[in-house]
Amino acid sequence: GLYRPLTNFSHALEWPHFGLESRGYHVVNTVLYGLVSALVFAFLRWYRLGLAASLGAAALFAFHPVHTEAVDAIAGRSELMSLGFSLIALIAFARALFPSGESEPRDVPHGGWFTVATVGLIGALGSKETGAVTALLMTMQLGAAQLASSARGGARFSKRRTAADLAPILLIVLAWAILR
């Protein structure tokens, strides 16, 4: 009853190589966990956390024992993939909103980074159901950016513009919910 096509596809790709031998699946999970830990660091750095604080927080994430089950259990792959895709989506969405680290958000997030964010959201949803939280976080990120811009005297906050900006995200979540 679970709808996790990307997670299932990743296992299907590994099956011819590893079969019933679990060691290979564990190695892949470990590599994925290392990539997710690096994405945690990148996420913190994008939001201007200092280098030492970002390294410390990423190391705490990487070495915290609560993640043991996600890495050790083959079924934990869905959590690793969903978090990885979510972090990619959030970083890319922030870059689409604030190109080159500018303080004012772009009127409408678009372009290459928005495409990467969209693919990340689809990947998160296709890996595990909790990927839906990514859409909520993207929505909050956009609303916060627009409100902050409006408060600083930048572009006026517009419900219509926000709805137009969120339409692609909401359509993806709607399509996922229907497919599910």
N, C-alpha and C. Protein backbone atom coordinates (compact mmCIF):
# COMPACT_ATOMS: atom_id res chain seq x y z
N GLY A 1 0.79 -1.19 0.00
CA GLY A 1 0.00 0.00 0.00
C GLY A 1 0.84 1.27 0.00
N LEU A 2 2.16 1.18 0.10
CA LEU A 2 2.99 2.38 0.09
C LEU A 2 3.30 2.79 -1.34
N TYR A 3 3.29 4.09 -1.58
CA TYR A 3 3.61 4.61 -2.91
C TYR A 3 4.99 5.25 -2.85
N ARG A 4 6.01 4.46 -3.17
CA ARG A 4 7.39 4.92 -3.13
C ARG A 4 8.12 4.46 -4.40
N PRO A 5 7.71 4.97 -5.55
CA PRO A 5 8.26 4.45 -6.80
C PRO A 5 9.77 4.65 -6.96
N LEU A 6 10.33 5.75 -6.50
CA LEU A 6 11.77 5.96 -6.66
C LEU A 6 12.57 5.03 -5.75
N THR A 7 12.09 4.84 -4.54
CA THR A 7 12.77 3.92 -3.63
C THR A 7 12.72 2.50 -4.19
N ASN A 8 11.56 2.10 -4.65
CA ASN A 8 11.43 0.76 -5.24
C ASN A 8 12.30 0.62 -6.48
N PHE A 9 12.37 1.67 -7.28
CA PHE A 9 13.20 1.63 -8.49
C PHE A 9 14.68 1.49 -8.12
N SER A 10 15.11 2.17 -7.06
CA SER A 10 16.51 2.05 -6.65
C SER A 10 16.84 0.61 -6.22
N HIS A 11 15.90 -0.01 -5.52
CA HIS A 11 16.12 -1.42 -5.13
C HIS A 11 16.11 -2.33 -6.36
N ALA A 12 15.24 -2.04 -7.32
CA ALA A 12 15.18 -2.85 -8.54
C ALA A 12 16.49 -2.75 -9.33
N LEU A 13 17.11 -1.58 -9.32
CA LEU A 13 18.40 -1.42 -10.00
C LEU A 13 19.51 -2.22 -9.33
N GLU A 14 19.41 -2.36 -8.02
CA GLU A 14 20.45 -3.07 -7.26
C GLU A 14 20.27 -4.58 -7.26
N TRP A 15 19.05 -5.03 -7.43
CA TRP A 15 18.75 -6.46 -7.33
C TRP A 15 19.65 -7.33 -8.21
N PRO A 16 19.88 -6.98 -9.48
CA PRO A 16 20.75 -7.84 -10.31
C PRO A 16 22.19 -7.93 -9.78
N HIS A 17 22.62 -6.92 -9.04
CA HIS A 17 23.99 -6.90 -8.53
C HIS A 17 24.12 -7.56 -7.16
N PHE A 18 23.12 -7.35 -6.29
CA PHE A 18 23.24 -7.80 -4.91
C PHE A 18 22.33 -8.97 -4.56
N GLY A 19 21.24 -9.14 -5.29
CA GLY A 19 20.31 -10.23 -5.00
C GLY A 19 19.87 -10.22 -3.55
N LEU A 20 20.04 -11.36 -2.88
CA LEU A 20 19.63 -11.48 -1.48
C LEU A 20 20.76 -11.11 -0.51
N GLU A 21 21.91 -10.71 -1.03
CA GLU A 21 23.05 -10.35 -0.19
C GLU A 21 22.87 -8.90 0.29
N SER A 22 22.69 -8.71 1.58
CA SER A 22 22.34 -7.38 2.11
C SER A 22 23.51 -6.40 2.15
N ARG A 23 24.72 -6.89 2.11
CA ARG A 23 25.89 -6.02 2.25
C ARG A 23 25.90 -4.89 1.22
N GLY A 24 25.59 -5.18 -0.01
CA GLY A 24 25.60 -4.16 -1.06
C GLY A 24 24.57 -3.07 -0.81
N TYR A 25 23.39 -3.46 -0.35
CA TYR A 25 22.34 -2.49 -0.04
C TYR A 25 22.79 -1.56 1.10
N HIS A 26 23.47 -2.14 2.08
CA HIS A 26 23.97 -1.34 3.20
C HIS A 26 25.03 -0.36 2.74
N VAL A 27 25.89 -0.77 1.83
CA VAL A 27 26.92 0.13 1.31
C VAL A 27 26.26 1.31 0.59
N VAL A 28 25.26 1.02 -0.22
CA VAL A 28 24.55 2.09 -0.93
C VAL A 28 23.88 3.04 0.07
N ASN A 29 23.23 2.50 1.10
CA ASN A 29 22.61 3.34 2.12
C ASN A 29 23.64 4.22 2.82
N THR A 30 24.82 3.68 3.09
CA THR A 30 25.87 4.44 3.75
C THR A 30 26.35 5.58 2.87
N VAL A 31 26.53 5.32 1.60
CA VAL A 31 26.94 6.37 0.66
C VAL A 31 25.85 7.45 0.58
N LEU A 32 24.59 7.03 0.49
CA LEU A 32 23.49 7.99 0.46
C LEU A 32 23.47 8.83 1.73
N TYR A 33 23.75 8.21 2.86
CA TYR A 33 23.76 8.94 4.13
C TYR A 33 24.88 9.98 4.14
N GLY A 34 26.02 9.63 3.59
CA GLY A 34 27.12 10.60 3.48
C GLY A 34 26.72 11.78 2.60
N LEU A 35 26.03 11.51 1.51
CA LEU A 35 25.57 12.59 0.62
C LEU A 35 24.53 13.47 1.33
N VAL A 36 23.63 12.85 2.06
CA VAL A 36 22.62 13.62 2.80
C VAL A 36 23.29 14.50 3.86
N SER A 37 24.29 13.97 4.53
CA SER A 37 25.02 14.76 5.53
C SER A 37 25.71 15.96 4.88
N ALA A 38 26.26 15.77 3.69
CA ALA A 38 26.87 16.89 2.96
C ALA A 38 25.81 17.91 2.56
N LEU A 39 24.62 17.43 2.20
CA LEU A 39 23.53 18.35 1.86
C LEU A 39 23.06 19.14 3.08
N VAL A 40 23.09 18.53 4.25
CA VAL A 40 22.75 19.25 5.48
C VAL A 40 23.74 20.41 5.66
N PHE A 41 25.01 20.14 5.45
CA PHE A 41 26.03 21.19 5.54
C PHE A 41 25.75 22.28 4.52
N ALA A 42 25.48 21.91 3.27
CA ALA A 42 25.21 22.90 2.21
C ALA A 42 23.97 23.73 2.54
N PHE A 43 22.95 23.08 3.08
CA PHE A 43 21.72 23.78 3.46
C PHE A 43 22.02 24.84 4.53
N LEU A 44 22.78 24.46 5.53
CA LEU A 44 23.10 25.40 6.61
C LEU A 44 23.97 26.55 6.11
N ARG A 45 24.90 26.26 5.23
CA ARG A 45 25.76 27.32 4.68
C ARG A 45 24.95 28.29 3.81
N TRP A 46 23.98 27.78 3.05
CA TRP A 46 23.17 28.67 2.21
C TRP A 46 22.43 29.67 3.09
N TYR A 47 21.99 29.22 4.24
CA TYR A 47 21.26 30.11 5.14
C TYR A 47 22.20 30.88 6.07
N ARG A 48 23.44 31.02 5.62
CA ARG A 48 24.44 31.88 6.21
C ARG A 48 24.83 31.53 7.65
N LEU A 49 24.71 30.29 8.00
CA LEU A 49 25.25 29.85 9.28
C LEU A 49 26.77 29.81 9.10
N GLY A 50 27.51 30.20 10.10
CA GLY A 50 28.97 30.23 10.01
C GLY A 50 29.56 28.87 9.67
N LEU A 51 30.78 28.89 9.17
CA LEU A 51 31.44 27.65 8.75
C LEU A 51 31.56 26.66 9.91
N ALA A 52 32.05 27.13 11.05
CA ALA A 52 32.23 26.24 12.20
C ALA A 52 30.89 25.69 12.68
N ALA A 53 29.89 26.54 12.75
CA ALA A 53 28.57 26.11 13.21
C ALA A 53 27.95 25.12 12.21
N SER A 54 28.13 25.38 10.93
CA SER A 54 27.61 24.47 9.90
C SER A 54 28.29 23.11 9.97
N LEU A 55 29.61 23.13 10.11
CA LEU A 55 30.35 21.86 10.23
C LEU A 55 29.94 21.11 11.49
N GLY A 56 29.80 21.83 12.60
CA GLY A 56 29.39 21.19 13.84
C GLY A 56 28.00 20.58 13.76
N ALA A 57 27.05 21.34 13.19
CA ALA A 57 25.68 20.83 13.07
C ALA A 57 25.62 19.65 12.10
N ALA A 58 26.35 19.73 10.99
CA ALA A 58 26.36 18.63 10.03
C ALA A 58 27.02 17.40 10.63
N ALA A 59 28.08 17.61 11.42
CA ALA A 59 28.74 16.47 12.09
C ALA A 59 27.81 15.85 13.13
N LEU A 60 27.09 16.69 13.87
CA LEU A 60 26.13 16.17 14.84
C LEU A 60 25.06 15.34 14.12
N PHE A 61 24.58 15.85 12.99
CA PHE A 61 23.61 15.10 12.20
C PHE A 61 24.22 13.78 11.74
N ALA A 62 25.43 13.85 11.19
CA ALA A 62 26.05 12.66 10.60
C ALA A 62 26.35 11.57 11.63
N PHE A 63 26.73 11.95 12.83
CA PHE A 63 27.16 10.95 13.81
C PHE A 63 26.12 10.66 14.89
N HIS A 64 24.94 11.25 14.76
CA HIS A 64 23.92 11.00 15.78
C HIS A 64 23.37 9.58 15.62
N PRO A 65 23.26 8.84 16.72
CA PRO A 65 22.82 7.44 16.63
C PRO A 65 21.37 7.24 16.21
N VAL A 66 20.57 8.30 16.24
CA VAL A 66 19.16 8.14 15.85
C VAL A 66 19.03 7.73 14.38
N HIS A 67 20.04 8.00 13.59
CA HIS A 67 19.99 7.69 12.16
C HIS A 67 20.43 6.26 11.83
N THR A 68 20.82 5.52 12.84
CA THR A 68 21.33 4.16 12.62
C THR A 68 20.34 3.30 11.85
N GLU A 69 19.08 3.35 12.24
CA GLU A 69 18.08 2.50 11.59
C GLU A 69 17.89 2.87 10.12
N ALA A 70 17.91 4.17 9.82
CA ALA A 70 17.73 4.59 8.43
C ALA A 70 18.87 4.12 7.54
N VAL A 71 20.07 4.04 8.10
CA VAL A 71 21.23 3.60 7.32
C VAL A 71 21.35 2.08 7.32
N ASP A 72 21.14 1.46 8.47
CA ASP A 72 21.36 0.02 8.60
C ASP A 72 20.25 -0.81 7.96
N ALA A 73 19.01 -0.39 8.13
CA ALA A 73 17.90 -1.16 7.58
C ALA A 73 17.75 -0.85 6.09
N ILE A 74 17.64 -1.86 5.29
CA ILE A 74 17.51 -1.66 3.84
C ILE A 74 16.27 -0.82 3.54
N ALA A 75 15.21 -1.03 4.32
CA ALA A 75 13.97 -0.26 4.12
C ALA A 75 14.15 1.21 4.47
N GLY A 76 15.21 1.56 5.19
CA GLY A 76 15.48 2.95 5.54
C GLY A 76 15.88 3.81 4.36
N ARG A 77 16.11 3.18 3.23
CA ARG A 77 16.48 3.91 2.02
C ARG A 77 15.48 5.01 1.70
N SER A 78 14.20 4.74 1.93
CA SER A 78 13.17 5.74 1.60
C SER A 78 13.38 7.03 2.39
N GLU A 79 13.77 6.92 3.64
CA GLU A 79 14.02 8.11 4.46
C GLU A 79 15.23 8.89 3.95
N LEU A 80 16.29 8.17 3.60
CA LEU A 80 17.49 8.84 3.09
C LEU A 80 17.21 9.54 1.78
N MET A 81 16.52 8.87 0.88
CA MET A 81 16.23 9.47 -0.41
C MET A 81 15.29 10.66 -0.28
N SER A 82 14.27 10.52 0.54
CA SER A 82 13.31 11.61 0.71
C SER A 82 13.98 12.84 1.31
N LEU A 83 14.80 12.66 2.34
CA LEU A 83 15.50 13.79 2.95
C LEU A 83 16.49 14.41 1.97
N GLY A 84 17.22 13.59 1.24
CA GLY A 84 18.17 14.11 0.26
C GLY A 84 17.48 14.96 -0.80
N PHE A 85 16.42 14.43 -1.37
CA PHE A 85 15.69 15.18 -2.39
C PHE A 85 15.05 16.44 -1.79
N SER A 86 14.57 16.35 -0.55
CA SER A 86 13.98 17.52 0.10
C SER A 86 15.01 18.63 0.28
N LEU A 87 16.21 18.27 0.73
CA LEU A 87 17.26 19.26 0.91
C LEU A 87 17.66 19.89 -0.42
N ILE A 88 17.75 19.07 -1.46
CA ILE A 88 18.05 19.60 -2.80
C ILE A 88 16.97 20.59 -3.21
N ALA A 89 15.71 20.22 -3.00
CA ALA A 89 14.59 21.10 -3.38
C ALA A 89 14.64 22.41 -2.61
N LEU A 90 14.89 22.36 -1.32
CA LEU A 90 14.89 23.58 -0.51
C LEU A 90 16.06 24.49 -0.83
N ILE A 91 17.23 23.92 -1.05
CA ILE A 91 18.39 24.73 -1.42
C ILE A 91 18.16 25.37 -2.79
N ALA A 92 17.70 24.58 -3.75
CA ALA A 92 17.48 25.10 -5.10
C ALA A 92 16.36 26.14 -5.12
N PHE A 93 15.32 25.93 -4.33
CA PHE A 93 14.22 26.89 -4.28
C PHE A 93 14.71 28.21 -3.70
N ALA A 94 15.54 28.15 -2.66
CA ALA A 94 16.11 29.37 -2.09
C ALA A 94 16.98 30.09 -3.12
N ARG A 95 17.72 29.33 -3.90
CA ARG A 95 18.56 29.95 -4.93
C ARG A 95 17.72 30.53 -6.06
N ALA A 96 16.57 29.91 -6.33
CA ALA A 96 15.67 30.47 -7.34
C ALA A 96 15.04 31.77 -6.84
N LEU A 97 14.74 31.83 -5.55
CA LEU A 97 14.16 33.04 -4.96
C LEU A 97 15.18 34.16 -4.82
N PHE A 98 16.38 33.81 -4.41
CA PHE A 98 17.42 34.79 -4.14
C PHE A 98 18.66 34.48 -4.99
N PRO A 99 18.63 34.83 -6.27
CA PRO A 99 19.79 34.53 -7.13
C PRO A 99 21.04 35.25 -6.63
N SER A 100 22.12 34.57 -6.64
CA SER A 100 23.43 35.09 -6.22
C SER A 100 23.42 35.64 -4.80
N GLY A 101 22.54 35.11 -3.96
CA GLY A 101 22.51 35.53 -2.56
C GLY A 101 21.96 36.93 -2.34
N GLU A 102 21.23 37.48 -3.31
CA GLU A 102 20.66 38.82 -3.15
C GLU A 102 19.71 38.83 -1.96
N SER A 103 19.50 40.03 -1.38
CA SER A 103 18.62 40.12 -0.23
C SER A 103 17.15 40.26 -0.62
N GLU A 104 16.88 40.73 -1.82
CA GLU A 104 15.50 40.86 -2.29
C GLU A 104 15.12 39.63 -3.10
N PRO A 105 13.95 39.05 -2.83
CA PRO A 105 13.54 37.88 -3.61
C PRO A 105 13.18 38.25 -5.04
N ARG A 106 13.40 37.34 -5.93
CA ARG A 106 13.00 37.50 -7.32
C ARG A 106 11.48 37.55 -7.37
N ASP A 107 10.95 38.30 -8.30
CA ASP A 107 9.49 38.41 -8.40
C ASP A 107 8.81 37.06 -8.53
N VAL A 108 9.28 36.26 -9.46
CA VAL A 108 8.71 34.93 -9.66
C VAL A 108 9.87 33.95 -9.73
N PRO A 109 9.90 32.96 -8.84
CA PRO A 109 10.99 31.98 -8.93
C PRO A 109 10.89 31.19 -10.23
N HIS A 110 11.95 31.19 -11.00
CA HIS A 110 11.94 30.48 -12.27
C HIS A 110 13.39 30.15 -12.65
N GLY A 111 13.53 29.56 -13.79
CA GLY A 111 14.86 29.26 -14.29
C GLY A 111 15.38 27.91 -13.83
N GLY A 112 16.69 27.73 -14.00
CA GLY A 112 17.33 26.45 -13.72
C GLY A 112 17.18 25.99 -12.29
N TRP A 113 17.35 26.91 -11.33
CA TRP A 113 17.23 26.51 -9.93
C TRP A 113 15.81 26.11 -9.58
N PHE A 114 14.83 26.78 -10.18
CA PHE A 114 13.45 26.40 -9.93
C PHE A 114 13.17 25.01 -10.49
N THR A 115 13.77 24.70 -11.63
CA THR A 115 13.62 23.37 -12.22
C THR A 115 14.23 22.31 -11.30
N VAL A 116 15.41 22.60 -10.76
CA VAL A 116 16.05 21.66 -9.82
C VAL A 116 15.19 21.48 -8.58
N ALA A 117 14.60 22.58 -8.08
CA ALA A 117 13.72 22.50 -6.91
C ALA A 117 12.50 21.63 -7.21
N THR A 118 11.96 21.78 -8.40
CA THR A 118 10.79 21.00 -8.80
C THR A 118 11.14 19.51 -8.87
N VAL A 119 12.27 19.20 -9.47
CA VAL A 119 12.71 17.81 -9.56
C VAL A 119 12.98 17.25 -8.16
N GLY A 120 13.57 18.07 -7.29
CA GLY A 120 13.80 17.64 -5.91
C GLY A 120 12.51 17.33 -5.18
N LEU A 121 11.50 18.17 -5.38
CA LEU A 121 10.20 17.93 -4.75
C LEU A 121 9.58 16.63 -5.27
N ILE A 122 9.65 16.41 -6.57
CA ILE A 122 9.12 15.17 -7.15
C ILE A 122 9.88 13.97 -6.59
N GLY A 123 11.20 14.10 -6.48
CA GLY A 123 12.01 13.02 -5.91
C GLY A 123 11.66 12.72 -4.47
N ALA A 124 11.44 13.78 -3.67
CA ALA A 124 11.08 13.59 -2.26
C ALA A 124 9.74 12.88 -2.15
N LEU A 125 8.77 13.31 -2.96
CA LEU A 125 7.44 12.69 -2.93
C LEU A 125 7.48 11.25 -3.43
N GLY A 126 8.33 10.98 -4.40
CA GLY A 126 8.43 9.63 -4.95
C GLY A 126 9.24 8.68 -4.10
N SER A 127 9.91 9.21 -3.07
CA SER A 127 10.73 8.37 -2.20
C SER A 127 10.01 7.95 -0.93
N LYS A 128 9.25 8.88 -0.37
CA LYS A 128 8.51 8.58 0.87
C LYS A 128 7.43 9.65 1.05
N GLU A 129 6.38 9.27 1.72
CA GLU A 129 5.23 10.15 1.90
C GLU A 129 5.59 11.43 2.64
N THR A 130 6.57 11.38 3.51
CA THR A 130 6.96 12.57 4.27
C THR A 130 7.56 13.65 3.38
N GLY A 131 7.84 13.32 2.14
CA GLY A 131 8.32 14.32 1.19
C GLY A 131 7.31 15.43 0.96
N ALA A 132 6.05 15.19 1.31
CA ALA A 132 5.03 16.23 1.17
C ALA A 132 5.33 17.44 2.05
N VAL A 133 6.05 17.24 3.12
CA VAL A 133 6.43 18.35 4.00
C VAL A 133 7.30 19.36 3.23
N THR A 134 8.04 18.88 2.25
CA THR A 134 8.89 19.76 1.46
C THR A 134 8.06 20.84 0.78
N ALA A 135 6.91 20.48 0.25
CA ALA A 135 6.04 21.46 -0.39
C ALA A 135 5.60 22.52 0.62
N LEU A 136 5.29 22.10 1.82
CA LEU A 136 4.91 23.04 2.87
C LEU A 136 6.07 23.98 3.20
N LEU A 137 7.27 23.43 3.32
CA LEU A 137 8.44 24.26 3.62
C LEU A 137 8.74 25.24 2.49
N MET A 138 8.57 24.80 1.25
CA MET A 138 8.77 25.70 0.11
C MET A 138 7.74 26.82 0.14
N THR A 139 6.50 26.49 0.49
CA THR A 139 5.45 27.48 0.59
C THR A 139 5.78 28.50 1.67
N MET A 140 6.22 28.02 2.81
CA MET A 140 6.60 28.92 3.91
C MET A 140 7.79 29.79 3.52
N GLN A 141 8.75 29.20 2.81
CA GLN A 141 9.93 29.93 2.38
C GLN A 141 9.53 31.08 1.44
N LEU A 142 8.64 30.81 0.51
CA LEU A 142 8.18 31.83 -0.42
C LEU A 142 7.40 32.93 0.31
N GLY A 143 6.48 32.53 1.17
CA GLY A 143 5.70 33.53 1.91
C GLY A 143 6.58 34.41 2.78
N ALA A 144 7.54 33.81 3.47
CA ALA A 144 8.44 34.57 4.33
C ALA A 144 9.28 35.55 3.50
N ALA A 145 9.76 35.11 2.35
CA ALA A 145 10.56 35.99 1.49
C ALA A 145 9.73 37.17 0.99
N GLN A 146 8.50 36.91 0.60
CA GLN A 146 7.66 37.99 0.10
C GLN A 146 7.26 38.95 1.21
N LEU A 147 6.95 38.43 2.39
CA LEU A 147 6.61 39.31 3.51
C LEU A 147 7.80 40.16 3.93
N ALA A 148 8.98 39.57 3.97
CA ALA A 148 10.19 40.30 4.34
C ALA A 148 10.49 41.39 3.32
N SER A 149 10.32 41.08 2.06
CA SER A 149 10.55 42.07 1.00
C SER A 149 9.58 43.23 1.14
N SER A 150 8.33 42.90 1.40
CA SER A 150 7.30 43.92 1.57
C SER A 150 7.60 44.81 2.78
N ALA A 151 8.05 44.21 3.87
CA ALA A 151 8.37 44.95 5.09
C ALA A 151 9.55 45.88 4.90
N ARG A 152 10.49 45.52 4.01
CA ARG A 152 11.66 46.36 3.75
C ARG A 152 11.38 47.42 2.69
N GLY A 153 10.14 47.48 2.23
CA GLY A 153 9.80 48.47 1.21
C GLY A 153 10.04 47.98 -0.20
N GLY A 154 10.29 46.69 -0.36
CA GLY A 154 10.49 46.11 -1.70
C GLY A 154 9.15 45.88 -2.37
N ALA A 155 9.08 44.86 -3.18
CA ALA A 155 7.84 44.53 -3.88
C ALA A 155 6.72 44.30 -2.86
N ARG A 156 5.55 44.85 -3.14
CA ARG A 156 4.41 44.70 -2.24
C ARG A 156 3.93 43.26 -2.23
N PHE A 157 3.59 42.76 -1.06
CA PHE A 157 3.09 41.39 -0.92
C PHE A 157 1.77 41.27 -1.66
N SER A 158 1.65 40.26 -2.48
CA SER A 158 0.44 40.07 -3.26
C SER A 158 -0.02 38.62 -3.14
N LYS A 159 -1.25 38.44 -2.70
CA LYS A 159 -1.79 37.08 -2.60
C LYS A 159 -1.87 36.44 -3.97
N ARG A 160 -2.21 37.22 -4.98
CA ARG A 160 -2.32 36.69 -6.35
C ARG A 160 -0.95 36.21 -6.86
N ARG A 161 0.08 37.02 -6.62
CA ARG A 161 1.42 36.63 -7.06
C ARG A 161 1.88 35.39 -6.31
N THR A 162 1.62 35.34 -5.01
CA THR A 162 2.00 34.17 -4.22
C THR A 162 1.30 32.93 -4.74
N ALA A 163 0.02 33.04 -5.04
CA ALA A 163 -0.73 31.89 -5.57
C ALA A 163 -0.14 31.44 -6.91
N ALA A 164 0.23 32.38 -7.77
CA ALA A 164 0.82 32.02 -9.06
C ALA A 164 2.18 31.36 -8.87
N ASP A 165 2.96 31.85 -7.90
CA ASP A 165 4.28 31.26 -7.64
C ASP A 165 4.16 29.84 -7.09
N LEU A 166 3.11 29.62 -6.30
CA LEU A 166 2.93 28.32 -5.66
C LEU A 166 2.21 27.31 -6.54
N ALA A 167 1.61 27.75 -7.62
CA ALA A 167 0.81 26.85 -8.47
C ALA A 167 1.59 25.61 -8.91
N PRO A 168 2.83 25.74 -9.43
CA PRO A 168 3.54 24.52 -9.84
C PRO A 168 3.77 23.54 -8.68
N ILE A 169 4.09 24.07 -7.51
CA ILE A 169 4.33 23.21 -6.34
C ILE A 169 3.05 22.49 -5.97
N LEU A 170 1.96 23.23 -5.91
CA LEU A 170 0.68 22.64 -5.53
C LEU A 170 0.19 21.63 -6.56
N LEU A 171 0.45 21.88 -7.84
CA LEU A 171 0.06 20.93 -8.89
C LEU A 171 0.83 19.62 -8.76
N ILE A 172 2.10 19.73 -8.41
CA ILE A 172 2.90 18.51 -8.22
C ILE A 172 2.35 17.70 -7.05
N VAL A 173 2.03 18.36 -5.95
CA VAL A 173 1.49 17.66 -4.79
C VAL A 173 0.13 17.05 -5.12
N LEU A 174 -0.69 17.77 -5.87
CA LEU A 174 -2.00 17.24 -6.27
C LEU A 174 -1.83 16.01 -7.15
N ALA A 175 -0.92 16.07 -8.13
CA ALA A 175 -0.67 14.91 -9.00
C ALA A 175 -0.17 13.72 -8.17
N TRP A 176 0.71 13.97 -7.21
CA TRP A 176 1.21 12.91 -6.35
C TRP A 176 0.07 12.28 -5.54
N ALA A 177 -0.81 13.14 -4.99
CA ALA A 177 -1.92 12.63 -4.19
C ALA A 177 -2.87 11.78 -5.05
N ILE A 178 -3.08 12.18 -6.28
CA ILE A 178 -3.95 11.41 -7.17
C ILE A 178 -3.30 10.08 -7.53
N LEU A 179 -2.02 10.09 -7.84
CA LEU A 179 -1.31 8.86 -8.19
C LEU A 179 -1.25 7.90 -7.02
N ARG A 180 -1.14 8.43 -5.86
CA ARG A 180 -1.02 7.64 -4.65
C ARG A 180 -2.30 6.86 -4.43
